[in-house]
């Protein structure tokens, strides 16, 4: 169960990272409120997952899920560049996340 909670925390991290783009420098009320809510939920879920997972592993997975998800949504939503080097780099992050999961108790 802590792994599921950790992945959910990472998904909420994606939500607040993408939400920052929509806040327009925190000048738009509803996107700002949604972004802040996603931040709080993400950190809260991370804290719950860290009760039973190693801190280094949990934090790295949280950041990695957030980074990969944000890159993918940046490509889809904002037409950010999708080139071979970016995709290989994302693949390396995913490989690292899998390695951390396999190496964790």
PDB file of N, CA and C in Angstrom:
ATOM      1  N   UNK A   1       0.805  -1.211   0.000  1.00  0.00           N
ATOM      2  CA  UNK A   1       0.000   0.000   0.000  1.00  0.00           C
ATOM      3  C   UNK A   1       0.850   1.279   0.000  1.00  0.00           C
ATOM      4  N   UNK A   2       1.983   1.325   0.712  1.00  0.00           N
ATOM      5  CA  UNK A   2       2.766   2.564   0.681  1.00  0.00           C
ATOM      6  C   UNK A   2       3.265   2.928  -0.717  1.00  0.00           C
ATOM      7  N   UNK A   3       3.505   1.917  -1.563  1.00  0.00           N
ATOM      8  CA  UNK A   3       3.958   2.195  -2.925  1.00  0.00           C
ATOM      9  C   UNK A   3       2.855   2.851  -3.748  1.00  0.00           C
ATOM     10  N   UNK A   4       1.636   2.417  -3.554  1.00  0.00           N
ATOM     11  CA  UNK A   4       0.501   3.023  -4.260  1.00  0.00           C
ATOM     12  C   UNK A   4       0.331   4.472  -3.805  1.00  0.00           C
ATOM     13  N   UNK A   5       0.428   4.685  -2.513  1.00  0.00           N
ATOM     14  CA  UNK A   5       0.323   6.040  -1.965  1.00  0.00           C
ATOM     15  C   UNK A   5       1.445   6.916  -2.522  1.00  0.00           C
ATOM     16  N   UNK A   6       2.637   6.357  -2.624  1.00  0.00           N
ATOM     17  CA  UNK A   6       3.780   7.109  -3.147  1.00  0.00           C
ATOM     18  C   UNK A   6       3.574   7.491  -4.611  1.00  0.00           C
ATOM     19  N   UNK A   7       3.071   6.578  -5.401  1.00  0.00           N
ATOM     20  CA  UNK A   7       2.812   6.888  -6.817  1.00  0.00           C
ATOM     21  C   UNK A   7       1.718   7.959  -6.920  1.00  0.00           C
ATOM     22  N   UNK A   8       0.690   7.863  -6.090  1.00  0.00           N
ATOM     23  CA  UNK A   8      -0.347   8.905  -6.077  1.00  0.00           C
ATOM     24  C   UNK A   8       0.247  10.264  -5.704  1.00  0.00           C
ATOM     25  N   UNK A   9       1.154  10.258  -4.729  1.00  0.00           N
ATOM     26  CA  UNK A   9       1.827  11.502  -4.356  1.00  0.00           C
ATOM     27  C   UNK A   9       2.584  12.075  -5.546  1.00  0.00           C
ATOM     28  N   UNK A  10       3.244  11.206  -6.297  1.00  0.00           N
ATOM     29  CA  UNK A  10       3.962  11.648  -7.490  1.00  0.00           C
ATOM     30  C   UNK A  10       3.034  12.205  -8.547  1.00  0.00           C
ATOM     31  N   UNK A  11       1.871  11.594  -8.702  1.00  0.00           N
ATOM     32  CA  UNK A  11       0.902  12.094  -9.680  1.00  0.00           C
ATOM     33  C   UNK A  11       0.368  13.470  -9.277  1.00  0.00           C
ATOM     34  N   UNK A  12       0.162  13.671  -7.983  1.00  0.00           N
ATOM     35  CA  UNK A  12      -0.250  14.998  -7.529  1.00  0.00           C
ATOM     36  C   UNK A  12       0.887  16.004  -7.704  1.00  0.00           C
ATOM     37  N   UNK A  13       2.131  15.543  -7.640  1.00  0.00           N
ATOM     38  CA  UNK A  13       3.252  16.436  -7.929  1.00  0.00           C
ATOM     39  C   UNK A  13       3.197  16.887  -9.381  1.00  0.00           C
ATOM     40  N   UNK A  14       2.874  15.971 -10.276  1.00  0.00           N
ATOM     41  CA  UNK A  14       2.694  16.337 -11.687  1.00  0.00           C
ATOM     42  C   UNK A  14       1.595  17.400 -11.786  1.00  0.00           C
ATOM     43  N   UNK A  15       0.512  17.184 -11.053  1.00  0.00           N
ATOM     44  CA  UNK A  15      -0.603  18.134 -11.080  1.00  0.00           C
ATOM     45  C   UNK A  15      -0.201  19.526 -10.659  1.00  0.00           C
ATOM     46  N   UNK A  16       0.601  19.630  -9.589  1.00  0.00           N
ATOM     47  CA  UNK A  16       0.960  20.985  -9.180  1.00  0.00           C
ATOM     48  C   UNK A  16       2.037  21.583 -10.063  1.00  0.00           C
ATOM     49  N   UNK A  17       2.912  20.758 -10.611  1.00  0.00           N
ATOM     50  CA  UNK A  17       3.921  21.298 -11.524  1.00  0.00           C
ATOM     51  C   UNK A  17       3.263  21.865 -12.783  1.00  0.00           C
ATOM     52  N   UNK A  18       2.321  21.111 -13.347  1.00  0.00           N
ATOM     53  CA  UNK A  18       1.593  21.586 -14.519  1.00  0.00           C
ATOM     54  C   UNK A  18       0.686  22.757 -14.127  1.00  0.00           C
ATOM     55  N   UNK A  19       0.093  22.666 -12.949  1.00  0.00           N
ATOM     56  CA  UNK A  19      -0.773  23.742 -12.472  1.00  0.00           C
ATOM     57  C   UNK A  19      -0.061  25.079 -12.369  1.00  0.00           C
ATOM     58  N   UNK A  20       1.228  25.040 -12.038  1.00  0.00           N
ATOM     59  CA  UNK A  20       1.985  26.295 -11.952  1.00  0.00           C
ATOM     60  C   UNK A  20       1.943  27.066 -13.261  1.00  0.00           C
ATOM     61  N   UNK A  21       1.972  26.344 -14.360  1.00  0.00           N
ATOM     62  CA  UNK A  21       1.917  26.989 -15.681  1.00  0.00           C
ATOM     63  C   UNK A  21       0.600  27.742 -15.856  1.00  0.00           C
ATOM     64  N   UNK A  22      -0.476  27.169 -15.345  1.00  0.00           N
ATOM     65  CA  UNK A  22      -1.796  27.771 -15.510  1.00  0.00           C
ATOM     66  C   UNK A  22      -2.092  28.899 -14.521  1.00  0.00           C
ATOM     67  N   UNK A  23      -1.295  29.024 -13.460  1.00  0.00           N
ATOM     68  CA  UNK A  23      -1.546  30.085 -12.473  1.00  0.00           C
ATOM     69  C   UNK A  23      -1.158  31.459 -12.984  1.00  0.00           C
ATOM     70  N   UNK A  24      -0.337  31.501 -14.037  1.00  0.00           N
ATOM     71  CA  UNK A  24       0.143  32.764 -14.604  1.00  0.00           C
ATOM     72  C   UNK A  24       0.797  33.606 -13.501  1.00  0.00           C
ATOM     73  N   UNK A  25       1.777  32.984 -12.838  1.00  0.00           N
ATOM     74  CA  UNK A  25       2.483  33.695 -11.762  1.00  0.00           C
ATOM     75  C   UNK A  25       1.616  33.917 -10.539  1.00  0.00           C
ATOM     76  N   UNK A  26       0.722  32.995 -10.277  1.00  0.00           N
ATOM     77  CA  UNK A  26      -0.216  33.054  -9.150  1.00  0.00           C
ATOM     78  C   UNK A  26      -1.163  34.251  -9.251  1.00  0.00           C
ATOM     79  N   UNK A  27      -1.479  34.649 -10.470  1.00  0.00           N
ATOM     80  CA  UNK A  27      -2.413  35.763 -10.658  1.00  0.00           C
ATOM     81  C   UNK A  27      -3.828  35.292 -10.978  1.00  0.00           C
ATOM     82  N   UNK A  28      -3.993  33.993 -11.234  1.00  0.00           N
ATOM     83  CA  UNK A  28      -5.325  33.446 -11.523  1.00  0.00           C
ATOM     84  C   UNK A  28      -5.780  32.615 -10.331  1.00  0.00           C
ATOM     85  N   UNK A  29      -6.919  32.991  -9.767  1.00  0.00           N
ATOM     86  CA  UNK A  29      -7.379  32.412  -8.503  1.00  0.00           C
ATOM     87  C   UNK A  29      -7.575  30.904  -8.551  1.00  0.00           C
ATOM     88  N   UNK A  30      -8.412  30.403  -9.457  1.00  0.00           N
ATOM     89  CA  UNK A  30      -8.767  28.979  -9.434  1.00  0.00           C
ATOM     90  C   UNK A  30      -7.587  28.077  -9.760  1.00  0.00           C
ATOM     91  N   UNK A  31      -6.789  28.395 -10.766  1.00  0.00           N
ATOM     92  CA  UNK A  31      -5.607  27.558 -10.981  1.00  0.00           C
ATOM     93  C   UNK A  31      -4.642  27.596  -9.788  1.00  0.00           C
ATOM     94  N   UNK A  32      -4.539  28.752  -9.137  1.00  0.00           N
ATOM     95  CA  UNK A  32      -3.664  28.856  -7.967  1.00  0.00           C
ATOM     96  C   UNK A  32      -4.184  27.988  -6.833  1.00  0.00           C
ATOM     97  N   UNK A  33      -5.484  28.036  -6.576  1.00  0.00           N
ATOM     98  CA  UNK A  33      -6.059  27.216  -5.505  1.00  0.00           C
ATOM     99  C   UNK A  33      -5.898  25.724  -5.809  1.00  0.00           C
ATOM    100  N   UNK A  34      -6.117  25.337  -7.054  1.00  0.00           N
ATOM    101  CA  UNK A  34      -5.932  23.934  -7.437  1.00  0.00           C
ATOM    102  C   UNK A  34      -4.486  23.492  -7.296  1.00  0.00           C
ATOM    103  N   UNK A  35      -3.573  24.368  -7.672  1.00  0.00           N
ATOM    104  CA  UNK A  35      -2.145  24.050  -7.571  1.00  0.00           C
ATOM    105  C   UNK A  35      -1.732  23.892  -6.111  1.00  0.00           C
ATOM    106  N   UNK A  36      -2.153  24.808  -5.271  1.00  0.00           N
ATOM    107  CA  UNK A  36      -1.826  24.727  -3.838  1.00  0.00           C
ATOM    108  C   UNK A  36      -2.437  23.468  -3.228  1.00  0.00           C
ATOM    109  N   UNK A  37      -3.661  23.133  -3.600  1.00  0.00           N
ATOM    110  CA  UNK A  37      -4.291  21.910  -3.090  1.00  0.00           C
ATOM    111  C   UNK A  37      -3.501  20.681  -3.518  1.00  0.00           C
ATOM    112  N   UNK A  38      -3.065  20.646  -4.785  1.00  0.00           N
ATOM    113  CA  UNK A  38      -2.261  19.509  -5.259  1.00  0.00           C
ATOM    114  C   UNK A  38      -0.942  19.423  -4.515  1.00  0.00           C
ATOM    115  N   UNK A  39      -0.340  20.570  -4.192  1.00  0.00           N
ATOM    116  CA  UNK A  39       0.902  20.583  -3.424  1.00  0.00           C
ATOM    117  C   UNK A  39       0.707  19.962  -2.043  1.00  0.00           C
ATOM    118  N   UNK A  40      -0.345  20.388  -1.377  1.00  0.00           N
ATOM    119  CA  UNK A  40      -0.627  19.897  -0.023  1.00  0.00           C
ATOM    120  C   UNK A  40      -0.905  18.397  -0.048  1.00  0.00           C
ATOM    121  N   UNK A  41      -1.722  17.963  -0.988  1.00  0.00           N
ATOM    122  CA  UNK A  41      -2.047  16.535  -1.089  1.00  0.00           C
ATOM    123  C   UNK A  41      -0.797  15.723  -1.411  1.00  0.00           C
ATOM    124  N   UNK A  42       0.000  16.213  -2.344  1.00  0.00           N
ATOM    125  CA  UNK A  42       1.212  15.505  -2.737  1.00  0.00           C
ATOM    126  C   UNK A  42       2.157  15.329  -1.546  1.00  0.00           C
ATOM    127  N   UNK A  43       2.415  16.405  -0.837  1.00  0.00           N
ATOM    128  CA  UNK A  43       3.318  16.319   0.316  1.00  0.00           C
ATOM    129  C   UNK A  43       2.729  15.465   1.434  1.00  0.00           C
ATOM    130  N   UNK A  44       1.422  15.560   1.624  1.00  0.00           N
ATOM    131  CA  UNK A  44       0.778  14.738   2.649  1.00  0.00           C
ATOM    132  C   UNK A  44       0.898  13.252   2.338  1.00  0.00           C
ATOM    133  N   UNK A  45       0.652  12.884   1.085  1.00  0.00           N
ATOM    134  CA  UNK A  45       0.772  11.480   0.696  1.00  0.00           C
ATOM    135  C   UNK A  45       2.228  11.005   0.771  1.00  0.00           C
ATOM    136  N   UNK A  46       3.155  11.876   0.394  1.00  0.00           N
ATOM    137  CA  UNK A  46       4.570  11.527   0.513  1.00  0.00           C
ATOM    138  C   UNK A  46       4.928  11.234   1.969  1.00  0.00           C
ATOM    139  N   UNK A  47       4.453  12.074   2.867  1.00  0.00           N
ATOM    140  CA  UNK A  47       4.712  11.854   4.294  1.00  0.00           C
ATOM    141  C   UNK A  47       4.145  10.542   4.795  1.00  0.00           C
ATOM    142  N   UNK A  48       2.961  10.192   4.331  1.00  0.00           N
ATOM    143  CA  UNK A  48       2.355   8.916   4.736  1.00  0.00           C
ATOM    144  C   UNK A  48       3.173   7.750   4.198  1.00  0.00           C
ATOM    145  N   UNK A  49       3.588   7.833   2.939  1.00  0.00           N
ATOM    146  CA  UNK A  49       4.377   6.751   2.345  1.00  0.00           C
ATOM    147  C   UNK A  49       5.717   6.589   3.051  1.00  0.00           C
ATOM    148  N   UNK A  50       6.288   7.691   3.506  1.00  0.00           N
ATOM    149  CA  UNK A  50       7.600   7.637   4.168  1.00  0.00           C
ATOM    150  C   UNK A  50       7.544   6.988   5.547  1.00  0.00           C
ATOM    151  N   UNK A  51       6.357   6.766   6.062  1.00  0.00           N
ATOM    152  CA  UNK A  51       6.263   6.065   7.343  1.00  0.00           C
ATOM    153  C   UNK A  51       6.844   4.663   7.241  1.00  0.00           C
ATOM    154  N   UNK A  52       6.717   4.037   6.072  1.00  0.00           N
ATOM    155  CA  UNK A  52       7.181   2.650   5.947  1.00  0.00           C
ATOM    156  C   UNK A  52       8.178   2.425   4.817  1.00  0.00           C
ATOM    157  N   UNK A  53       8.518   3.452   4.068  1.00  0.00           N
ATOM    158  CA  UNK A  53       9.509   3.313   2.994  1.00  0.00           C
ATOM    159  C   UNK A  53      10.767   4.100   3.361  1.00  0.00           C
ATOM    160  N   UNK A  54      11.921   3.669   2.876  1.00  0.00           N
ATOM    161  CA  UNK A  54      13.143   4.426   3.136  1.00  0.00           C
ATOM    162  C   UNK A  54      13.035   5.837   2.551  1.00  0.00           C
ATOM    163  N   UNK A  55      13.517   6.817   3.285  1.00  0.00           N
ATOM    164  CA  UNK A  55      13.357   8.211   2.884  1.00  0.00           C
ATOM    165  C   UNK A  55      14.000   8.494   1.527  1.00  0.00           C
ATOM    166  N   UNK A  56      15.191   8.001   1.297  1.00  0.00           N
ATOM    167  CA  UNK A  56      15.865   8.256   0.028  1.00  0.00           C
ATOM    168  C   UNK A  56      15.133   7.663  -1.151  1.00  0.00           C
ATOM    169  N   UNK A  57      14.659   6.462  -0.981  1.00  0.00           N
ATOM    170  CA  UNK A  57      13.904   5.797  -2.044  1.00  0.00           C
ATOM    171  C   UNK A  57      12.584   6.511  -2.291  1.00  0.00           C
ATOM    172  N   UNK A  58      11.858   6.801  -1.226  1.00  0.00           N
ATOM    173  CA  UNK A  58      10.547   7.447  -1.366  1.00  0.00           C
ATOM    174  C   UNK A  58      10.685   8.802  -2.044  1.00  0.00           C
ATOM    175  N   UNK A  59      11.649   9.591  -1.614  1.00  0.00           N
ATOM    176  CA  UNK A  59      11.805  10.921  -2.191  1.00  0.00           C
ATOM    177  C   UNK A  59      12.207  10.831  -3.666  1.00  0.00           C
ATOM    178  N   UNK A  60      13.137   9.934  -3.971  1.00  0.00           N
ATOM    179  CA  UNK A  60      13.578   9.789  -5.359  1.00  0.00           C
ATOM    180  C   UNK A  60      12.441   9.317  -6.265  1.00  0.00           C
ATOM    181  N   UNK A  61      11.633   8.394  -5.792  1.00  0.00           N
ATOM    182  CA  UNK A  61      10.498   7.918  -6.584  1.00  0.00           C
ATOM    183  C   UNK A  61       9.496   9.050  -6.792  1.00  0.00           C
ATOM    184  N   UNK A  62       9.215   9.789  -5.730  1.00  0.00           N
ATOM    185  CA  UNK A  62       8.279  10.915  -5.797  1.00  0.00           C
ATOM    186  C   UNK A  62       8.737  11.932  -6.844  1.00  0.00           C
ATOM    187  N   UNK A  63       9.999  12.307  -6.763  1.00  0.00           N
ATOM    188  CA  UNK A  63      10.546  13.279  -7.717  1.00  0.00           C
ATOM    189  C   UNK A  63      10.554  12.698  -9.130  1.00  0.00           C
ATOM    190  N   UNK A  64      10.929  11.427  -9.248  1.00  0.00           N
ATOM    191  CA  UNK A  64      11.001  10.802 -10.566  1.00  0.00           C
ATOM    192  C   UNK A  64       9.653  10.694 -11.245  1.00  0.00           C
ATOM    193  N   UNK A  65       8.644  10.264 -10.498  1.00  0.00           N
ATOM    194  CA  UNK A  65       7.289  10.193 -11.062  1.00  0.00           C
ATOM    195  C   UNK A  65       6.848  11.590 -11.485  1.00  0.00           C
ATOM    196  N   UNK A  66       7.128  12.564 -10.638  1.00  0.00           N
ATOM    197  CA  UNK A  66       6.767  13.943 -10.971  1.00  0.00           C
ATOM    198  C   UNK A  66       7.485  14.444 -12.208  1.00  0.00           C
ATOM    199  N   UNK A  67       8.775  14.153 -12.309  1.00  0.00           N
ATOM    200  CA  UNK A  67       9.558  14.617 -13.452  1.00  0.00           C
ATOM    201  C   UNK A  67       9.096  13.971 -14.747  1.00  0.00           C
ATOM    202  N   UNK A  68       8.939  12.667 -14.735  1.00  0.00           N
ATOM    203  CA  UNK A  68       8.514  11.952 -15.944  1.00  0.00           C
ATOM    204  C   UNK A  68       7.120  12.410 -16.372  1.00  0.00           C
ATOM    205  N   UNK A  69       6.208  12.474 -15.436  1.00  0.00           N
ATOM    206  CA  UNK A  69       4.847  12.899 -15.759  1.00  0.00           C
ATOM    207  C   UNK A  69       4.787  14.329 -16.272  1.00  0.00           C
ATOM    208  N   UNK A  70       5.598  15.194 -15.677  1.00  0.00           N
ATOM    209  CA  UNK A  70       5.607  16.590 -16.102  1.00  0.00           C
ATOM    210  C   UNK A  70       6.198  16.744 -17.503  1.00  0.00           C
ATOM    211  N   UNK A  71       7.245  15.994 -17.796  1.00  0.00           N
ATOM    212  CA  UNK A  71       7.813  16.039 -19.152  1.00  0.00           C
ATOM    213  C   UNK A  71       6.779  15.566 -20.167  1.00  0.00           C
ATOM    214  N   UNK A  72       6.124  14.463 -19.872  1.00  0.00           N
ATOM    215  CA  UNK A  72       5.136  13.921 -20.818  1.00  0.00           C
ATOM    216  C   UNK A  72       3.977  14.899 -21.023  1.00  0.00           C
ATOM    217  N   UNK A  73       3.446  15.448 -19.929  1.00  0.00           N
ATOM    218  CA  UNK A  73       2.343  16.398 -20.076  1.00  0.00           C
ATOM    219  C   UNK A  73       2.800  17.706 -20.711  1.00  0.00           C
ATOM    220  N   UNK A  74       4.042  18.098 -20.478  1.00  0.00           N
ATOM    221  CA  UNK A  74       4.568  19.279 -21.155  1.00  0.00           C
ATOM    222  C   UNK A  74       4.573  19.107 -22.660  1.00  0.00           C
ATOM    223  N   UNK A  75       4.906  17.904 -23.089  1.00  0.00           N
ATOM    224  CA  UNK A  75       4.895  17.597 -24.529  1.00  0.00           C
ATOM    225  C   UNK A  75       3.461  17.614 -25.063  1.00  0.00           C
ATOM    226  N   UNK A  76       2.563  16.983 -24.324  1.00  0.00           N
ATOM    227  CA  UNK A  76       1.176  16.850 -24.783  1.00  0.00           C
ATOM    228  C   UNK A  76       0.416  18.179 -24.703  1.00  0.00           C
ATOM    229  N   UNK A  77       0.532  18.880 -23.593  1.00  0.00           N
ATOM    230  CA  UNK A  77      -0.283  20.077 -23.370  1.00  0.00           C
ATOM    231  C   UNK A  77       0.328  21.355 -23.924  1.00  0.00           C
ATOM    232  N   UNK A  78       1.655  21.448 -23.898  1.00  0.00           N
ATOM    233  CA  UNK A  78       2.308  22.714 -24.238  1.00  0.00           C
ATOM    234  C   UNK A  78       3.202  22.611 -25.472  1.00  0.00           C
ATOM    235  N   UNK A  79       3.102  21.495 -26.180  1.00  0.00           N
ATOM    236  CA  UNK A  79       3.891  21.275 -27.394  1.00  0.00           C
ATOM    237  C   UNK A  79       5.391  21.487 -27.166  1.00  0.00           C
ATOM    238  N   UNK A  80       5.865  21.081 -25.985  1.00  0.00           N
ATOM    239  CA  UNK A  80       7.301  21.137 -25.727  1.00  0.00           C
ATOM    240  C   UNK A  80       7.992  20.115 -26.627  1.00  0.00           C
ATOM    241  N   UNK A  81       9.270  20.323 -26.912  1.00  0.00           N
ATOM    242  CA  UNK A  81       9.940  19.430 -27.861  1.00  0.00           C
ATOM    243  C   UNK A  81      10.008  17.981 -27.368  1.00  0.00           C
ATOM    244  N   UNK A  82       9.811  17.073 -28.306  1.00  0.00           N
ATOM    245  CA  UNK A  82       9.964  15.644 -28.033  1.00  0.00           C
ATOM    246  C   UNK A  82      11.015  15.131 -29.012  1.00  0.00           C
ATOM    247  N   UNK A  83      12.213  14.980 -28.509  1.00  0.00           N
ATOM    248  CA  UNK A  83      13.272  14.474 -29.374  1.00  0.00           C
ATOM    249  C   UNK A  83      13.911  13.253 -28.723  1.00  0.00           C
ATOM    250  N   UNK A  84      14.770  12.617 -29.450  1.00  0.00           N
ATOM    251  CA  UNK A  84      15.351  11.353 -28.997  1.00  0.00           C
ATOM    252  C   UNK A  84      16.105  11.513 -27.677  1.00  0.00           C
ATOM    253  N   UNK A  85      16.878  12.562 -27.530  1.00  0.00           N
ATOM    254  CA  UNK A  85      17.655  12.735 -26.299  1.00  0.00           C
ATOM    255  C   UNK A  85      16.745  12.923 -25.089  1.00  0.00           C
ATOM    256  N   UNK A  86      15.684  13.683 -25.240  1.00  0.00           N
ATOM    257  CA  UNK A  86      14.730  13.855 -24.130  1.00  0.00           C
ATOM    258  C   UNK A  86      14.084  12.524 -23.765  1.00  0.00           C
ATOM    259  N   UNK A  87      13.673  11.763 -24.760  1.00  0.00           N
ATOM    260  CA  UNK A  87      12.995  10.497 -24.492  1.00  0.00           C
ATOM    261  C   UNK A  87      13.951   9.474 -23.884  1.00  0.00           C
ATOM    262  N   UNK A  88      15.189   9.436 -24.336  1.00  0.00           N
ATOM    263  CA  UNK A  88      16.188   8.549 -23.726  1.00  0.00           C
ATOM    264  C   UNK A  88      16.412   8.961 -22.276  1.00  0.00           C
ATOM    265  N   UNK A  89      16.478  10.250 -22.031  1.00  0.00           N
ATOM    266  CA  UNK A  89      16.676  10.745 -20.667  1.00  0.00           C
ATOM    267  C   UNK A  89      15.505  10.366 -19.763  1.00  0.00           C
ATOM    268  N   UNK A  90      14.290  10.498 -20.262  1.00  0.00           N
ATOM    269  CA  UNK A  90      13.108  10.077 -19.496  1.00  0.00           C
ATOM    270  C   UNK A  90      13.170   8.572 -19.249  1.00  0.00           C
ATOM    271  N   UNK A  91      13.581   7.818 -20.259  1.00  0.00           N
ATOM    272  CA  UNK A  91      13.729   6.371 -20.092  1.00  0.00           C
ATOM    273  C   UNK A  91      14.743   6.015 -19.018  1.00  0.00           C
ATOM    274  N   UNK A  92      15.814   6.781 -18.931  1.00  0.00           N
ATOM    275  CA  UNK A  92      16.810   6.538 -17.880  1.00  0.00           C
ATOM    276  C   UNK A  92      16.234   6.818 -16.493  1.00  0.00           C
ATOM    277  N   UNK A  93      15.411   7.854 -16.396  1.00  0.00           N
ATOM    278  CA  UNK A  93      14.754   8.130 -15.111  1.00  0.00           C
ATOM    279  C   UNK A  93      13.846   6.966 -14.740  1.00  0.00           C
ATOM    280  N   UNK A  94      13.065   6.485 -15.691  1.00  0.00           N
ATOM    281  CA  UNK A  94      12.164   5.352 -15.435  1.00  0.00           C
ATOM    282  C   UNK A  94      12.978   4.127 -15.022  1.00  0.00           C
ATOM    283  N   UNK A  95      14.094   3.874 -15.700  1.00  0.00           N
ATOM    284  CA  UNK A  95      14.950   2.737 -15.338  1.00  0.00           C
ATOM    285  C   UNK A  95      15.464   2.892 -13.910  1.00  0.00           C
ATOM    286  N   UNK A  96      15.825   4.111 -13.536  1.00  0.00           N
ATOM    287  CA  UNK A  96      16.276   4.358 -12.167  1.00  0.00           C
ATOM    288  C   UNK A  96      15.181   4.122 -11.147  1.00  0.00           C
ATOM    289  N   UNK A  97      13.952   4.519 -11.482  1.00  0.00           N
ATOM    290  CA  UNK A  97      12.825   4.297 -10.570  1.00  0.00           C
ATOM    291  C   UNK A  97      12.567   2.805 -10.386  1.00  0.00           C
ATOM    292  N   UNK A  98      12.625   2.066 -11.480  1.00  0.00           N
ATOM    293  CA  UNK A  98      12.437   0.611 -11.384  1.00  0.00           C
ATOM    294  C   UNK A  98      13.539  -0.008 -10.534  1.00  0.00           C
ATOM    295  N   UNK A  99      14.770   0.445 -10.758  1.00  0.00           N
ATOM    296  CA  UNK A  99      15.886  -0.065  -9.963  1.00  0.00           C
ATOM    297  C   UNK A  99      15.711   0.211  -8.480  1.00  0.00           C
ATOM    298  N   UNK A 100      15.273   1.406  -8.142  1.00  0.00           N
ATOM    299  CA  UNK A 100      15.039   1.741  -6.731  1.00  0.00           C
ATOM    300  C   UNK A 100      13.940   0.880  -6.134  1.00  0.00           C
ATOM    301  N   UNK A 101      12.898   0.639  -6.894  1.00  0.00           N
ATOM    302  CA  UNK A 101      11.817  -0.234  -6.399  1.00  0.00           C
ATOM    303  C   UNK A 101      12.313  -1.646  -6.161  1.00  0.00           C
ATOM    304  N   UNK A 102      13.085  -2.160  -7.092  1.00  0.00           N
ATOM    305  CA  UNK A 102      13.601  -3.527  -6.961  1.00  0.00           C
ATOM    306  C   UNK A 102      14.602  -3.664  -5.814  1.00  0.00           C
ATOM    307  N   UNK A 103      15.320  -2.589  -5.531  1.00  0.00           N
ATOM    308  CA  UNK A 103      16.334  -2.631  -4.476  1.00  0.00           C
ATOM    309  C   UNK A 103      15.786  -2.290  -3.095  1.00  0.00           C
ATOM    310  N   UNK A 104      14.509  -1.950  -3.000  1.00  0.00           N
ATOM    311  CA  UNK A 104      13.926  -1.568  -1.717  1.00  0.00           C
ATOM    312  C   UNK A 104      13.260  -2.736  -1.033  1.00  0.00           C
ATOM    313  N   UNK A 105      13.270  -2.681   0.297  1.00  0.00           N
ATOM    314  CA  UNK A 105      12.619  -3.766   1.050  1.00  0.00           C
ATOM    315  C   UNK A 105      11.109  -3.765   0.881  1.00  0.00           C
TER     316      UNK A 105
END
